[in-house]
Protein backbone atom coordinates (compact mmCIF):
# COMPACT_ATOMS: atom_id res chain seq x y z
CA MET A 1 85.32 34.52 62.68
CA GLN A 2 88.60 33.79 64.14
CA GLN A 3 90.39 36.80 65.37
CA ILE A 4 94.24 36.86 64.36
CA ARG A 5 96.73 39.17 65.88
CA GLN A 6 99.02 40.07 62.79
CA PRO A 7 102.73 40.45 63.28
CA ALA A 8 103.95 44.24 63.89
CA VAL A 9 107.50 43.86 63.58
CA ALA A 10 108.16 41.26 61.02
CA GLY A 11 110.68 42.87 58.43
CA LEU A 12 111.94 45.16 61.39
CA PHE A 13 113.14 43.27 64.34
CA TYR A 14 113.61 39.94 62.19
CA PRO A 15 113.11 38.96 58.71
CA ALA A 16 109.36 38.52 57.20
CA ASP A 17 110.54 35.98 54.86
CA THR A 18 109.70 32.52 56.16
CA GLN A 19 112.78 30.79 54.77
CA GLU A 20 115.22 33.80 55.62
CA LEU A 21 113.81 33.76 59.23
CA THR A 22 113.98 29.99 59.56
CA ALA A 23 117.63 30.13 58.48
CA MET A 24 118.48 33.00 60.82
CA ILE A 25 117.07 31.40 63.91
CA ASP A 26 118.54 28.00 63.10
CA SER A 27 122.16 29.63 62.73
CA PHE A 28 121.70 31.13 66.13
CA LEU A 29 120.70 27.75 67.54
CA ALA A 30 123.39 26.00 65.86
CA ALA A 31 126.14 28.26 67.38
CA THR A 32 124.80 27.68 70.86
CA PRO A 33 126.04 24.72 72.86
CA ILE A 34 122.83 22.70 74.53
CA GLY A 35 124.30 22.75 77.90
CA ARG A 36 124.05 20.42 80.74
CA GLU A 37 121.32 21.83 82.85
CA PRO A 38 118.09 20.11 83.35
CA PRO A 39 115.63 21.26 80.87
CA PRO A 40 113.90 24.67 82.18
CA LYS A 41 110.79 25.31 83.55
CA ALA A 42 111.06 29.15 82.96
CA ILE A 43 113.32 31.14 80.75
CA ILE A 44 114.31 35.07 80.65
CA VAL A 45 115.14 36.08 77.16
CA PRO A 46 115.89 39.31 75.29
CA HIS A 47 113.66 41.00 72.94
CA ALA A 48 115.53 43.46 70.67
CA GLY A 49 116.20 42.87 66.79
CA TYR A 50 117.37 39.52 66.06
CA ILE A 51 120.90 40.88 64.83
CA TYR A 52 121.40 42.37 68.36
CA SER A 53 119.90 40.12 70.94
CA GLY A 54 119.26 36.75 68.75
CA PRO A 55 122.55 35.12 69.73
CA VAL A 56 121.85 35.60 73.47
CA ALA A 57 118.06 34.42 73.14
CA ALA A 58 119.42 31.28 71.38
CA ALA A 59 121.14 30.24 74.46
CA ALA A 60 117.83 29.85 76.36
CA TYR A 61 116.03 28.55 73.40
CA ARG A 62 118.60 25.85 72.62
CA ARG A 63 117.83 24.49 76.11
CA LEU A 64 114.10 23.94 75.18
CA GLU A 65 115.06 21.28 72.41
CA PRO A 66 114.74 18.33 74.72
CA LEU A 67 111.22 19.56 75.55
CA ARG A 68 109.98 19.21 71.93
CA GLY A 69 106.83 17.44 72.06
CA ARG A 70 106.43 17.83 75.81
CA ILE A 71 105.33 21.51 76.03
CA SER A 72 101.88 22.03 75.08
CA ARG A 73 101.52 25.57 76.56
CA VAL A 74 103.85 28.85 76.57
CA VAL A 75 102.93 31.35 79.20
CA LEU A 76 104.70 34.38 77.69
CA LEU A 77 105.01 37.72 79.72
CA GLY A 78 106.84 41.00 78.25
CA PRO A 79 106.75 44.77 79.39
CA SER A 80 104.60 47.13 77.41
CA HIS A 81 106.73 49.77 75.09
CA ARG A 82 103.80 51.64 73.57
CA VAL A 83 100.73 51.56 75.88
CA GLY A 84 100.57 52.75 79.24
CA PHE A 85 98.20 50.88 81.49
CA ILE A 86 97.75 49.43 85.11
CA GLY A 87 98.06 45.52 85.48
CA LEU A 88 98.40 42.90 82.90
CA ALA A 89 96.70 42.76 79.42
CA VAL A 90 95.51 39.61 77.91
CA SER A 91 94.45 39.53 74.29
CA SER A 92 91.20 38.69 73.04
CA ALA A 93 92.62 37.07 69.60
CA ASP A 94 92.27 33.36 68.91
CA GLN A 95 95.64 33.17 67.19
CA PHE A 96 98.85 35.04 66.76
CA HIS A 97 100.51 34.83 63.37
CA THR A 98 104.04 34.89 62.62
CA PRO A 99 105.89 34.23 59.36
CA LEU A 100 106.34 30.58 60.46
CA GLY A 101 102.50 30.19 60.99
CA ASP A 102 99.72 30.58 63.40
CA ILE A 103 99.74 29.92 67.11
CA ALA A 104 96.44 29.33 68.93
CA LEU A 105 95.84 31.08 72.06
CA ASP A 106 94.89 29.01 75.23
CA ARG A 107 91.52 30.90 75.39
CA ALA A 108 90.30 28.96 78.59
CA MET A 109 93.35 30.08 80.44
CA CYS A 110 93.20 33.70 79.13
CA GLU A 111 89.73 33.79 80.36
CA GLN A 112 90.50 32.43 83.66
CA LEU A 113 93.32 35.02 84.26
CA ALA A 114 91.00 37.85 83.00
CA THR A 115 88.92 37.00 86.16
CA LEU A 116 91.80 38.56 88.38
CA PRO A 117 91.46 42.22 89.11
CA GLN A 118 94.85 43.10 87.60
CA VAL A 119 94.35 41.51 84.53
CA HIS A 120 92.30 43.02 81.55
CA ARG A 121 91.48 42.54 78.10
CA LEU A 122 93.36 45.08 76.26
CA ASP A 123 94.08 44.52 72.49
CA GLN A 124 95.77 47.71 72.17
CA ALA A 125 98.71 46.64 74.38
CA HIS A 126 99.22 43.63 72.08
CA ALA A 127 98.58 45.26 68.67
CA MET A 128 102.23 46.71 68.19
CA GLU A 129 104.13 45.19 71.17
CA HIS A 130 107.41 43.41 69.93
CA SER A 131 108.36 42.14 73.45
CA LEU A 132 105.98 39.14 72.89
CA GLU A 133 106.26 38.94 69.18
CA VAL A 134 109.94 38.47 68.67
CA GLN A 135 109.86 35.27 71.06
CA LEU A 136 107.33 33.56 68.90
CA PRO A 137 109.40 32.41 65.78
CA PHE A 138 112.11 30.93 68.42
CA LEU A 139 109.17 29.12 70.08
CA GLN A 140 107.97 27.76 66.90
CA ARG A 141 111.40 26.65 66.01
CA VAL A 142 112.29 24.63 69.07
CA LEU A 143 108.87 23.15 70.05
CA ASP A 144 106.10 21.23 68.27
CA ALA A 145 102.57 22.86 68.40
CA PHE A 146 101.76 24.36 71.54
CA GLN A 147 99.00 27.07 72.98
CA LEU A 148 100.00 30.50 73.80
CA VAL A 149 99.09 32.52 76.93
CA PRO A 150 100.34 35.83 75.98
CA LEU A 151 100.36 38.74 78.68
CA VAL A 152 101.70 42.31 78.17
CA VAL A 153 102.69 43.78 81.63
CA GLY A 154 102.01 47.53 82.58
CA GLU A 155 102.47 48.92 85.78
CA ALA A 156 102.08 45.75 88.17
CA THR A 157 103.61 44.54 91.32
CA ALA A 158 105.44 41.62 91.65
CA GLU A 159 102.68 39.92 93.87
CA GLU A 160 100.21 40.73 90.96
CA VAL A 161 102.50 39.36 88.44
CA ALA A 162 103.29 36.02 90.74
CA GLU A 163 99.68 35.47 91.08
CA VAL A 164 99.05 35.09 87.41
CA LEU A 165 101.91 32.88 87.19
CA ASP A 166 100.91 30.70 89.93
CA ILE A 167 97.57 30.21 88.33
CA ALA A 168 99.03 29.65 84.83
CA TRP A 169 102.18 27.54 86.26
CA GLY A 170 100.65 24.18 85.29
CA GLY A 171 102.97 21.01 85.12
CA GLU A 172 105.59 19.67 82.80
CA GLU A 173 103.28 20.65 79.96
CA THR A 174 103.87 24.53 80.74
CA LEU A 175 106.88 26.62 79.97
CA ILE A 176 107.02 30.24 81.32
CA VAL A 177 108.87 32.65 79.05
CA ILE A 178 109.79 36.03 80.49
CA SER A 179 110.83 38.77 77.80
CA SER A 180 113.20 41.45 78.95
CA ASP A 181 116.12 43.47 77.90
CA LEU A 182 118.61 44.78 80.43
CA SER A 183 120.24 48.37 80.76
CA HIS A 184 119.70 51.07 78.02
CA TYR A 185 121.89 53.25 76.34
CA HIS A 186 124.89 53.35 78.52
CA SER A 187 128.59 53.18 77.78
CA TYR A 188 130.01 49.61 77.11
CA ALA A 189 131.67 49.59 80.60
CA GLU A 190 128.97 51.08 82.58
CA ALA A 191 126.12 48.58 80.82
CA GLN A 192 128.59 45.54 81.83
CA ARG A 193 128.51 46.87 85.34
CA MET A 194 124.79 47.44 85.49
CA ASP A 195 124.16 44.26 83.83
CA ARG A 196 126.34 42.03 86.00
CA SER A 197 124.49 43.43 88.95
CA THR A 198 121.13 42.56 87.68
CA CYS A 199 122.45 39.20 86.81
CA HIS A 200 123.50 38.51 90.22
CA ALA A 201 120.23 39.60 91.52
CA ILE A 202 118.50 37.09 89.16
CA GLU A 203 120.83 34.35 90.23
CA ALA A 204 120.01 34.95 93.85
CA LEU A 205 116.36 35.52 93.10
CA LYS A 206 116.45 38.63 94.67
CA SER A 207 113.56 40.59 93.11
CA GLU A 208 113.83 43.59 95.40
CA SER A 209 117.33 44.38 94.07
CA ILE A 210 116.29 44.91 90.53
CA ASP A 211 114.87 48.29 89.31
CA HIS A 212 113.54 49.70 85.97
CA GLU A 213 117.13 50.96 85.03
CA GLY A 214 118.33 47.50 85.23
CA ALA A 215 115.80 45.67 83.29
CA CYS A 216 112.96 47.04 80.89
CA GLY A 217 110.83 43.98 81.66
CA ARG A 218 111.45 44.51 85.49
CA ASN A 219 107.83 43.87 86.44
CA PRO A 220 107.57 40.38 84.78
CA VAL A 221 111.01 39.52 85.78
CA ILE A 222 110.56 40.22 89.50
CA GLY A 223 107.12 38.39 89.31
CA LEU A 224 109.10 35.33 88.24
CA LEU A 225 111.77 35.63 90.63
CA GLN A 226 109.24 35.68 93.64
CA VAL A 227 107.51 32.63 92.34
CA ALA A 228 111.05 30.82 91.55
CA ARG A 229 111.99 31.59 95.09
CA ARG A 230 109.00 30.09 96.66
CA LYS A 231 109.08 27.09 94.59
CA GLY A 232 112.68 26.35 95.19
CA LEU A 233 113.71 26.80 91.57
CA THR A 234 117.68 27.65 90.76
CA ALA A 235 118.56 30.27 88.26
CA HIS A 236 121.15 29.53 85.74
CA THR A 237 122.93 32.39 83.66
CA LEU A 238 123.20 31.20 80.04
CA ASP A 239 124.58 34.33 78.24
CA LEU A 240 125.16 38.17 79.41
CA ARG A 241 126.24 40.37 76.61
CA ASN A 242 125.13 43.57 75.05
CA SER A 243 124.49 45.23 71.64
CA GLY A 244 128.24 46.26 71.60
CA ASP A 245 129.24 42.52 71.49
CA THR A 246 126.80 41.48 68.93
CA ALA A 247 126.00 43.99 66.08
CA GLY A 248 126.31 47.60 67.35
CA SER A 249 128.73 50.39 68.57
CA LYS A 250 130.23 50.20 71.93
CA GLU A 251 129.50 53.99 72.88
CA SER A 252 125.78 53.35 73.79
CA VAL A 253 124.78 49.91 74.18
CA VAL A 254 121.38 47.79 75.26
CA GLY A 255 122.01 44.90 77.67
CA TYR A 256 120.95 41.30 76.84
CA GLY A 257 120.88 38.25 79.16
CA ALA A 258 119.44 34.80 78.96
CA TRP A 259 118.47 32.68 82.20
CA SER A 260 116.98 29.28 82.73
CA PHE A 261 115.15 28.34 85.82
CA ASN A 262 114.67 24.66 86.97
């Protein structure tokens, strides 16, 4: 029997209704220019409720449209918000379900990664985790059918994350997606200052300059930056805003950014 991971935050972070969800994502994408950068090998995108971070995430996802039909595997990493653990967690599911349909997991790659000492089969880390889930409907709208390699990242070093990315990196058929918000619950001005600093570190591929205050997905982000530096990739800032710019108060905000790497 197929094991299917059901959505945990449909109807909370994004619409549970298929038509409403499709219309929302398409409106975000339509409001975003496609850009002139080459199609990315990797992206960093935020993971809050769509009304807050969806317009920022769309800046990266719009860049994937030229890759429709070319991407057949997505390696998706995001931080753990609910379960504390050491290392990275793969899922034993066969499919992840969203209101837009089912996504098959690349079981062979998941099993290969699970042979690493820092990677564990830990379904509890995936069950209620939103950092990966909110990326899936965007991916389903901008890509054709693809297989998913989902990894929730706990306490892990940049080197441990980079080793996983190196194994799963693949060629033109593989896209790397890192899910991360930026600063949390500071004043609007302070958030802008902190997020600009994190943005400059990402642009310079300086993983050592990013701390947990600067990015809740710091661990997967710094792993990507280490690989990107070694492979000679360039980071492009596509959007940098916060919840005070999109749908929230400016008194206490959460920062969001979108970057592409090629």
